[in-house]
Amino acid sequence: MPRMVRRDRADERAVVTHRRQTGAVSDVVQVIGHTRNGLALRDVRRLSDGVADQALFAVAKGGLTAESWVYAHNGDGFDGLTDFFRSMAKSWRGWDGARTWSSLEGDLTLTAKHDGHVRLLVQIRDSIDWSAEIELTIDAGEELTAAVAALSESLDS
């Protein structure tokens, strides 16, 4: 069930410990930024063939944390999301306009613009009940490369 919650450091440790005990995800995977200002992957559900079918993503900024289960595209996993970050990493010197990736049901939408740094607008929502939007500033080199590695390791079958 999606939640919008405010967490302190003790809560974050509790989430990681709980996931280790239940075998869900060994650690919360920080895709961009850090626990108080970034995009994280908290859990992954897979189909019987090992393909990631759903992922629990969380965004955090300025004391707000919002998380929601996001469905993959048509049983193909989250390849499109990893490719979205991979294409930005390859174009680290810049690109014109905006690049956008959206999940199957629009629960997670990412829009990136480049102005020397990458400005990533992250929109996360739970159906019609709530939505949250944050903007993250990303280093166009190492941080994007690290995001590709984190997503590939966590979401690839």
C-alpha atoms as a PDB file:
ATOM      1  CA  MET A   1       0.000   0.000   0.000  1.00  0.00           C
ATOM      2  CA  PRO A   2       1.473   3.399  -0.958  1.00  0.00           C
ATOM      3  CA  ARG A   3       2.305   5.753   1.863  1.00  0.00           C
ATOM      4  CA  MET A   4       3.365   9.335   2.334  1.00  0.00           C
ATOM      5  CA  VAL A   5       5.340   9.552   5.532  1.00  0.00           C
ATOM      6  CA  ARG A   6       7.921  11.637   7.295  1.00  0.00           C
ATOM      7  CA  ARG A   7      10.863   9.552   8.491  1.00  0.00           C
ATOM      8  CA  ASP A   8      13.834  10.198  10.708  1.00  0.00           C
ATOM      9  CA  ARG A   9      17.107   8.237  10.628  1.00  0.00           C
ATOM     10  CA  ALA A  10      15.885   5.636  13.126  1.00  0.00           C
ATOM     11  CA  ASP A  11      12.887   4.930  10.870  1.00  0.00           C
ATOM     12  CA  GLU A  12      15.172   4.500   7.854  1.00  0.00           C
ATOM     13  CA  ARG A  13      17.311   1.962   9.729  1.00  0.00           C
ATOM     14  CA  ALA A  14      14.156   0.116  10.793  1.00  0.00           C
ATOM     15  CA  VAL A  15      12.982  -0.179   7.176  1.00  0.00           C
ATOM     16  CA  VAL A  16      16.342  -1.598   6.064  1.00  0.00           C
ATOM     17  CA  THR A  17      16.442  -4.037   9.002  1.00  0.00           C
ATOM     18  CA  HIS A  18      12.890  -5.220   8.326  1.00  0.00           C
ATOM     19  CA  ARG A  19      13.656  -5.836   4.662  1.00  0.00           C
ATOM     20  CA  ARG A  20      16.772  -7.835   5.568  1.00  0.00           C
ATOM     21  CA  GLN A  21      14.773 -10.018   7.940  1.00  0.00           C
ATOM     22  CA  THR A  22      11.979 -10.657   5.435  1.00  0.00           C
ATOM     23  CA  GLY A  23      14.328 -11.197   2.491  1.00  0.00           C
ATOM     24  CA  ALA A  24      12.639  -8.515   0.360  1.00  0.00           C
ATOM     25  CA  VAL A  25      15.602  -6.348  -0.620  1.00  0.00           C
ATOM     26  CA  SER A  26      18.961  -6.549   1.138  1.00  0.00           C
ATOM     27  CA  ASP A  27      19.150  -2.768   1.379  1.00  0.00           C
ATOM     28  CA  VAL A  28      17.197   0.211   0.216  1.00  0.00           C
ATOM     29  CA  VAL A  29      18.844   1.131  -3.102  1.00  0.00           C
ATOM     30  CA  GLN A  30      19.507   4.849  -3.391  1.00  0.00           C
ATOM     31  CA  VAL A  31      19.196   5.581  -7.111  1.00  0.00           C
ATOM     32  CA  ILE A  32      19.818   9.351  -6.979  1.00  0.00           C
ATOM     33  CA  GLY A  33      20.883  11.560  -4.090  1.00  0.00           C
ATOM     34  CA  HIS A  34      20.534  10.373  -0.512  1.00  0.00           C
ATOM     35  CA  THR A  35      17.792   9.276   1.881  1.00  0.00           C
ATOM     36  CA  ARG A  36      16.656  12.813   2.699  1.00  0.00           C
ATOM     37  CA  ASN A  37      16.907  14.234  -0.818  1.00  0.00           C
ATOM     38  CA  GLY A  38      16.617  11.739  -3.628  1.00  0.00           C
ATOM     39  CA  LEU A  39      15.016   8.806  -5.399  1.00  0.00           C
ATOM     40  CA  ALA A  40      15.221   5.322  -3.880  1.00  0.00           C
ATOM     41  CA  LEU A  41      14.114   1.800  -4.704  1.00  0.00           C
ATOM     42  CA  ARG A  42      12.744   0.134  -1.562  1.00  0.00           C
ATOM     43  CA  ASP A  43      11.423  -3.229  -2.811  1.00  0.00           C
ATOM     44  CA  VAL A  44      10.970  -5.299  -5.999  1.00  0.00           C
ATOM     45  CA  ARG A  45       8.357  -7.921  -6.860  1.00  0.00           C
ATOM     46  CA  ARG A  46       9.191 -10.360  -9.652  1.00  0.00           C
ATOM     47  CA  LEU A  47       7.246 -12.636 -11.960  1.00  0.00           C
ATOM     48  CA  SER A  48       7.938 -16.386 -11.887  1.00  0.00           C
ATOM     49  CA  ASP A  49      10.521 -15.945 -14.684  1.00  0.00           C
ATOM     50  CA  GLY A  50      12.476 -13.437 -12.557  1.00  0.00           C
ATOM     51  CA  VAL A  51      11.448 -10.308 -14.465  1.00  0.00           C
ATOM     52  CA  ALA A  52      10.747  -7.323 -12.208  1.00  0.00           C
ATOM     53  CA  ASP A  53       7.004  -6.643 -12.323  1.00  0.00           C
ATOM     54  CA  GLN A  54       6.542  -4.026  -9.585  1.00  0.00           C
ATOM     55  CA  ALA A  55       8.902  -1.812  -7.643  1.00  0.00           C
ATOM     56  CA  LEU A  56       8.367   0.335  -4.580  1.00  0.00           C
ATOM     57  CA  PHE A  57       9.934   3.713  -5.340  1.00  0.00           C
ATOM     58  CA  ALA A  58      10.326   6.529  -2.831  1.00  0.00           C
ATOM     59  CA  VAL A  59      11.184  10.200  -3.225  1.00  0.00           C
ATOM     60  CA  ALA A  60      12.380  12.474  -0.445  1.00  0.00           C
ATOM     61  CA  LYS A  61      13.026  16.183  -0.162  1.00  0.00           C
ATOM     62  CA  GLY A  62      12.672  18.791   2.547  1.00  0.00           C
ATOM     63  CA  GLY A  63      11.246  16.393   5.142  1.00  0.00           C
ATOM     64  CA  LEU A  64       8.681  14.825   2.792  1.00  0.00           C
ATOM     65  CA  THR A  65       8.911  11.159   1.845  1.00  0.00           C
ATOM     66  CA  ALA A  66       6.427   9.687  -0.622  1.00  0.00           C
ATOM     67  CA  GLU A  67       6.444   6.117  -1.887  1.00  0.00           C
ATOM     68  CA  SER A  68       4.312   4.111  -4.267  1.00  0.00           C
ATOM     69  CA  TRP A  69       4.312   0.734  -6.019  1.00  0.00           C
ATOM     70  CA  VAL A  70       5.100   1.187  -9.711  1.00  0.00           C
ATOM     71  CA  TYR A  71       4.221  -1.390 -12.389  1.00  0.00           C
ATOM     72  CA  ALA A  72       6.648  -2.339 -15.144  1.00  0.00           C
ATOM     73  CA  HIS A  73       5.778  -2.134 -18.837  1.00  0.00           C
ATOM     74  CA  ASN A  74       4.007  -5.154 -20.327  1.00  0.00           C
ATOM     75  CA  GLY A  75       6.053  -7.840 -18.579  1.00  0.00           C
ATOM     76  CA  ASP A  76       9.328  -6.430 -19.952  1.00  0.00           C
ATOM     77  CA  GLY A  77      10.525  -5.323 -16.534  1.00  0.00           C
ATOM     78  CA  PHE A  78      12.006  -1.894 -16.022  1.00  0.00           C
ATOM     79  CA  ASP A  79      14.378  -1.947 -19.004  1.00  0.00           C
ATOM     80  CA  GLY A  80      12.981   1.363 -20.220  1.00  0.00           C
ATOM     81  CA  LEU A  81      13.809   3.061 -16.920  1.00  0.00           C
ATOM     82  CA  THR A  82      17.366   1.765 -16.926  1.00  0.00           C
ATOM     83  CA  ASP A  83      17.702   2.796 -20.601  1.00  0.00           C
ATOM     84  CA  PHE A  84      16.389   6.285 -19.718  1.00  0.00           C
ATOM     85  CA  PHE A  85      19.235   6.789 -17.229  1.00  0.00           C
ATOM     86  CA  ARG A  86      21.728   5.070 -19.543  1.00  0.00           C
ATOM     87  CA  SER A  87      20.869   7.474 -22.404  1.00  0.00           C
ATOM     88  CA  MET A  88      21.397  10.474 -20.106  1.00  0.00           C
ATOM     89  CA  ALA A  89      24.732   9.076 -18.922  1.00  0.00           C
ATOM     90  CA  LYS A  90      25.867   8.634 -22.552  1.00  0.00           C
ATOM     91  CA  SER A  91      24.813  12.234 -23.311  1.00  0.00           C
ATOM     92  CA  TRP A  92      26.479  13.634 -20.185  1.00  0.00           C
ATOM     93  CA  ARG A  93      27.703  16.706 -22.072  1.00  0.00           C
ATOM     94  CA  GLY A  94      24.127  17.783 -22.699  1.00  0.00           C
ATOM     95  CA  TRP A  95      21.042  17.528 -24.864  1.00  0.00           C
ATOM     96  CA  ASP A  96      18.303  19.816 -26.121  1.00  0.00           C
ATOM     97  CA  GLY A  97      14.834  19.867 -24.601  1.00  0.00           C
ATOM     98  CA  ALA A  98      13.409  17.454 -22.086  1.00  0.00           C
ATOM     99  CA  ARG A  99      13.631  13.675 -21.862  1.00  0.00           C
ATOM    100  CA  THR A 100      10.765  11.842 -20.170  1.00  0.00           C
ATOM    101  CA  TRP A 101      10.099   8.340 -18.891  1.00  0.00           C
ATOM    102  CA  SER A 102       6.787   7.270 -17.385  1.00  0.00           C
ATOM    103  CA  SER A 103       5.666   4.010 -15.809  1.00  0.00           C
ATOM    104  CA  LEU A 104       2.841   1.952 -17.255  1.00  0.00           C
ATOM    105  CA  GLU A 105       0.114   3.591 -15.146  1.00  0.00           C
ATOM    106  CA  GLY A 106       1.845   6.938 -14.673  1.00  0.00           C
ATOM    107  CA  ASP A 107       2.629   6.307 -11.002  1.00  0.00           C
ATOM    108  CA  LEU A 108       6.198   7.450 -11.612  1.00  0.00           C
ATOM    109  CA  THR A 109       7.193  10.039 -14.209  1.00  0.00           C
ATOM    110  CA  LEU A 110      10.713  11.380 -14.663  1.00  0.00           C
ATOM    111  CA  THR A 111      11.507  14.432 -16.773  1.00  0.00           C
ATOM    112  CA  ALA A 112      15.140  15.464 -17.272  1.00  0.00           C
ATOM    113  CA  LYS A 113      16.647  18.665 -18.648  1.00  0.00           C
ATOM    114  CA  HIS A 114      20.339  19.454 -19.005  1.00  0.00           C
ATOM    115  CA  ASP A 115      21.843  22.863 -18.240  1.00  0.00           C
ATOM    116  CA  GLY A 116      25.332  21.791 -17.214  1.00  0.00           C
ATOM    117  CA  HIS A 117      23.727  19.671 -14.510  1.00  0.00           C
ATOM    118  CA  VAL A 118      20.760  17.377 -14.961  1.00  0.00           C
ATOM    119  CA  ARG A 119      17.529  18.730 -13.475  1.00  0.00           C
ATOM    120  CA  LEU A 120      15.333  15.701 -12.798  1.00  0.00           C
ATOM    121  CA  LEU A 121      11.669  16.348 -12.053  1.00  0.00           C
ATOM    122  CA  VAL A 122      10.273  13.320 -10.222  1.00  0.00           C
ATOM    123  CA  GLN A 123       6.501  12.907 -10.024  1.00  0.00           C
ATOM    124  CA  ILE A 124       5.139  10.039  -7.956  1.00  0.00           C
ATOM    125  CA  ARG A 125       1.495   9.309  -7.274  1.00  0.00           C
ATOM    126  CA  ASP A 126      -0.974   6.804  -5.965  1.00  0.00           C
ATOM    127  CA  SER A 127      -3.812   6.642  -8.412  1.00  0.00           C
ATOM    128  CA  ILE A 128      -6.015   9.659  -7.715  1.00  0.00           C
ATOM    129  CA  ASP A 129      -5.464   9.770  -3.957  1.00  0.00           C
ATOM    130  CA  TRP A 130      -2.265  11.820  -3.819  1.00  0.00           C
ATOM    131  CA  SER A 131       0.796  12.935  -5.751  1.00  0.00           C
ATOM    132  CA  ALA A 132       4.170  14.422  -4.924  1.00  0.00           C
ATOM    133  CA  GLU A 133       6.667  16.228  -7.115  1.00  0.00           C
ATOM    134  CA  ILE A 134      10.288  17.082  -6.414  1.00  0.00           C
ATOM    135  CA  GLU A 135      13.201  18.347  -8.468  1.00  0.00           C
ATOM    136  CA  LEU A 136      16.644  16.854  -8.019  1.00  0.00           C
ATOM    137  CA  THR A 137      19.929  18.235  -9.344  1.00  0.00           C
ATOM    138  CA  ILE A 138      22.231  15.495 -10.568  1.00  0.00           C
ATOM    139  CA  ASP A 139      25.896  15.460 -11.547  1.00  0.00           C
ATOM    140  CA  ALA A 140      25.890  14.723 -15.278  1.00  0.00           C
ATOM    141  CA  GLY A 141      28.728  12.201 -15.039  1.00  0.00           C
ATOM    142  CA  GLU A 142      29.363   9.967 -12.057  1.00  0.00           C
ATOM    143  CA  GLU A 143      25.941  10.243 -10.440  1.00  0.00           C
ATOM    144  CA  LEU A 144      24.125   9.161 -13.622  1.00  0.00           C
ATOM    145  CA  THR A 145      26.556   6.285 -14.126  1.00  0.00           C
ATOM    146  CA  ALA A 146      25.939   5.181 -10.524  1.00  0.00           C
ATOM    147  CA  ALA A 147      22.154   5.372 -11.098  1.00  0.00           C
ATOM    148  CA  VAL A 148      22.430   3.075 -14.138  1.00  0.00           C
ATOM    149  CA  ALA A 149      24.464   0.580 -12.117  1.00  0.00           C
ATOM    150  CA  ALA A 150      22.028   0.685  -9.168  1.00  0.00           C
ATOM    151  CA  LEU A 151      18.966   0.200 -11.371  1.00  0.00           C
ATOM    152  CA  SER A 152      20.578  -2.562 -13.458  1.00  0.00           C
ATOM    153  CA  GLU A 153      21.688  -4.491 -10.380  1.00  0.00           C
ATOM    154  CA  SER A 154      18.319  -4.168  -8.639  1.00  0.00           C
ATOM    155  CA  LEU A 155      15.836  -4.526 -11.502  1.00  0.00           C
ATOM    156  CA  ASP A 156      17.470  -6.743 -14.120  1.00  0.00           C
ATOM    157  CA  SER A 157      16.482 -10.416 -14.000  1.00  0.00           C
END
